[in-house]
Amino acid sequence: MTAPPASPPPDLERLLDTFARLGREQTMQLLVEYANRFPELPERYAALAGEDAYRVHECMTPVSLFSEARDGGIWFYADVPKSAPTVRALLTIFTQALNGKPPETVLAIPSDFVSRLMQKVGLSVRERGLNAMVTRMKRHAVEALAA
């Protein structure tokens, strides 16, 4: 007997449900709206944005990902060029759903989350990099739990 697929955290589950009901054009529009709400990188990380240790190398877009663990929660911040709306959208979705939540919430993101979210968009070539961002976020969550 195989285990049932993992369920994403509730905020991400609602988002998947919303995207599942939308057509391709509506999905693209919603992603653009998320990309336009991309949070700016805090000044304390600006000088580190280009450093190799923070880069998500599997992503075709130059992405730097940062995290902070405090008060039992984890926060994510990223540096992504404005010319990468899909990446900016996904990171906006994650920061809105995960920031301030316990690291276990990050670890609950199922491995197929990105493909489920992006299935209508037709950007499967981007999934490797987007999944790498999720993997990096999970690694940061594990480190936060160990601290």
Protein backbone atom coordinates (compact mmCIF):
# COMPACT_ATOMS: atom_id res chain seq x y z
CA MET A 1 0.00 0.00 0.00
CA THR A 2 1.40 3.41 -0.96
CA ALA A 3 1.18 6.41 1.29
CA PRO A 4 -1.21 9.18 0.24
CA PRO A 5 0.46 12.21 -1.31
CA ALA A 6 1.55 14.83 1.19
CA SER A 7 -0.75 17.79 1.62
CA PRO A 8 0.71 21.26 1.40
CA PRO A 9 0.28 23.74 4.23
CA PRO A 10 -3.31 25.13 4.26
CA ASP A 11 -2.45 28.50 2.64
CA LEU A 12 -0.68 26.72 -0.22
CA GLU A 13 -3.48 24.14 -0.53
CA ARG A 14 -6.00 26.97 -1.01
CA LEU A 15 -3.75 28.49 -3.63
CA LEU A 16 -3.50 25.18 -5.51
CA ASP A 17 -7.30 24.90 -5.41
CA THR A 18 -7.62 28.42 -6.82
CA PHE A 19 -5.15 27.73 -9.62
CA ALA A 20 -6.88 24.42 -10.43
CA ARG A 21 -10.13 26.28 -11.12
CA LEU A 22 -8.55 28.85 -13.43
CA GLY A 23 -7.89 28.63 -17.14
CA ARG A 24 -4.43 29.20 -18.57
CA GLU A 25 -4.89 32.93 -19.22
CA GLN A 26 -6.35 33.51 -15.75
CA THR A 27 -3.49 31.54 -14.22
CA MET A 28 -0.95 33.64 -16.08
CA GLN A 29 -2.69 36.84 -14.93
CA LEU A 30 -2.68 35.69 -11.31
CA LEU A 31 1.02 34.86 -11.54
CA VAL A 32 1.68 38.37 -12.90
CA GLU A 33 -0.26 39.82 -9.95
CA TYR A 34 1.88 37.83 -7.53
CA ALA A 35 5.06 38.88 -9.35
CA ASN A 36 4.02 42.52 -9.02
CA ARG A 37 3.74 42.06 -5.23
CA PHE A 38 7.25 40.64 -4.90
CA PRO A 39 8.69 41.91 -1.62
CA GLU A 40 11.83 43.96 -1.82
CA LEU A 41 15.01 42.50 -0.39
CA PRO A 42 15.78 43.95 3.05
CA GLU A 43 18.78 46.26 3.03
CA ARG A 44 20.69 43.95 5.38
CA TYR A 45 20.90 41.37 2.56
CA ALA A 46 21.55 43.68 -0.39
CA ALA A 47 25.35 43.39 -0.21
CA LEU A 48 25.13 39.58 -0.03
CA ALA A 49 22.76 39.11 -2.99
CA GLY A 50 25.48 38.33 -5.50
CA GLU A 51 27.44 35.96 -3.27
CA ASP A 52 27.72 32.36 -4.36
CA ALA A 53 26.59 30.92 -1.01
CA TYR A 54 23.11 32.40 -1.44
CA ARG A 55 22.58 31.64 -5.13
CA VAL A 56 20.18 28.94 -6.28
CA HIS A 57 22.45 27.60 -9.01
CA GLU A 58 19.91 25.22 -10.55
CA CYS A 59 17.69 28.16 -11.49
CA MET A 60 18.25 29.74 -14.91
CA THR A 61 17.43 33.10 -13.33
CA PRO A 62 19.97 34.60 -10.93
CA VAL A 63 18.20 34.01 -7.60
CA SER A 64 19.64 34.62 -4.15
CA LEU A 65 17.67 33.17 -1.24
CA PHE A 66 17.99 34.14 2.42
CA SER A 67 16.25 32.98 5.57
CA GLU A 68 15.96 34.01 9.19
CA ALA A 69 14.71 31.90 12.07
CA ARG A 70 13.35 33.73 15.09
CA ASP A 71 10.62 33.32 17.68
CA GLY A 72 9.81 29.82 16.45
CA GLY A 73 9.16 30.97 12.88
CA ILE A 74 11.11 31.21 9.66
CA TRP A 75 11.21 34.10 7.18
CA PHE A 76 12.42 34.00 3.60
CA TYR A 77 13.78 36.83 1.47
CA ALA A 78 15.01 36.75 -2.10
CA ASP A 79 16.75 38.78 -4.74
CA VAL A 80 15.28 38.13 -8.20
CA PRO A 81 15.47 40.33 -11.31
CA LYS A 82 12.25 42.02 -12.42
CA SER A 83 12.70 40.25 -15.76
CA ALA A 84 11.78 36.90 -14.10
CA PRO A 85 8.07 37.20 -13.27
CA THR A 86 7.46 33.46 -12.80
CA VAL A 87 10.22 33.14 -10.22
CA ARG A 88 9.12 36.35 -8.52
CA ALA A 89 5.53 35.08 -8.43
CA LEU A 90 6.47 31.75 -6.86
CA LEU A 91 8.65 33.38 -4.23
CA THR A 92 5.90 35.89 -3.42
CA ILE A 93 3.50 32.97 -2.96
CA PHE A 94 5.94 31.25 -0.63
CA THR A 95 6.81 34.32 1.43
CA GLN A 96 3.13 35.17 1.91
CA ALA A 97 2.24 31.61 2.91
CA LEU A 98 5.31 30.67 4.94
CA ASN A 99 6.91 33.71 6.54
CA GLY A 100 6.53 33.60 10.29
CA LYS A 101 5.34 29.99 10.30
CA PRO A 102 7.21 27.17 12.04
CA PRO A 103 9.90 25.44 9.96
CA GLU A 104 7.75 22.29 9.94
CA THR A 105 5.28 24.15 7.71
CA VAL A 106 8.00 24.57 5.09
CA LEU A 107 8.90 20.90 5.36
CA ALA A 108 5.25 20.00 4.65
CA ILE A 109 5.45 21.33 1.08
CA PRO A 110 4.96 18.23 -1.10
CA SER A 111 7.56 17.42 -3.75
CA ASP A 112 5.00 17.89 -6.55
CA PHE A 113 3.86 21.36 -5.44
CA VAL A 114 5.65 23.26 -8.21
CA SER A 115 4.43 20.96 -10.97
CA ARG A 116 0.86 21.14 -9.64
CA LEU A 117 1.00 24.92 -9.50
CA MET A 118 2.64 25.34 -12.90
CA GLN A 119 0.82 22.60 -14.85
CA LYS A 120 -1.24 25.03 -16.95
CA VAL A 121 1.50 27.56 -17.52
CA GLY A 122 3.62 25.49 -19.89
CA LEU A 123 6.95 26.42 -18.36
CA SER A 124 8.16 22.95 -17.47
CA VAL A 125 11.70 24.02 -18.37
CA ARG A 126 11.54 26.30 -15.30
CA GLU A 127 10.44 23.59 -12.89
CA ARG A 128 13.97 22.38 -12.12
CA GLY A 129 14.99 25.79 -10.83
CA LEU A 130 11.70 26.39 -9.03
CA ASN A 131 11.97 22.99 -7.33
CA ALA A 132 15.55 23.84 -6.37
CA MET A 133 14.23 26.92 -4.56
CA VAL A 134 11.78 24.75 -2.61
CA THR A 135 14.60 22.34 -1.77
CA ARG A 136 16.73 25.23 -0.54
CA MET A 137 13.86 26.54 1.58
CA LYS A 138 13.42 23.09 3.11
CA ARG A 139 17.14 22.94 3.86
CA HIS A 140 16.89 26.30 5.63
CA ALA A 141 13.92 24.92 7.62
CA VAL A 142 15.90 21.85 8.69
CA GLU A 143 18.77 24.10 9.76
CA ALA A 144 16.35 26.29 11.74
CA LEU A 145 15.01 23.23 13.56
CA ALA A 146 18.53 22.08 14.38
CA ALA A 147 19.57 25.48 15.78
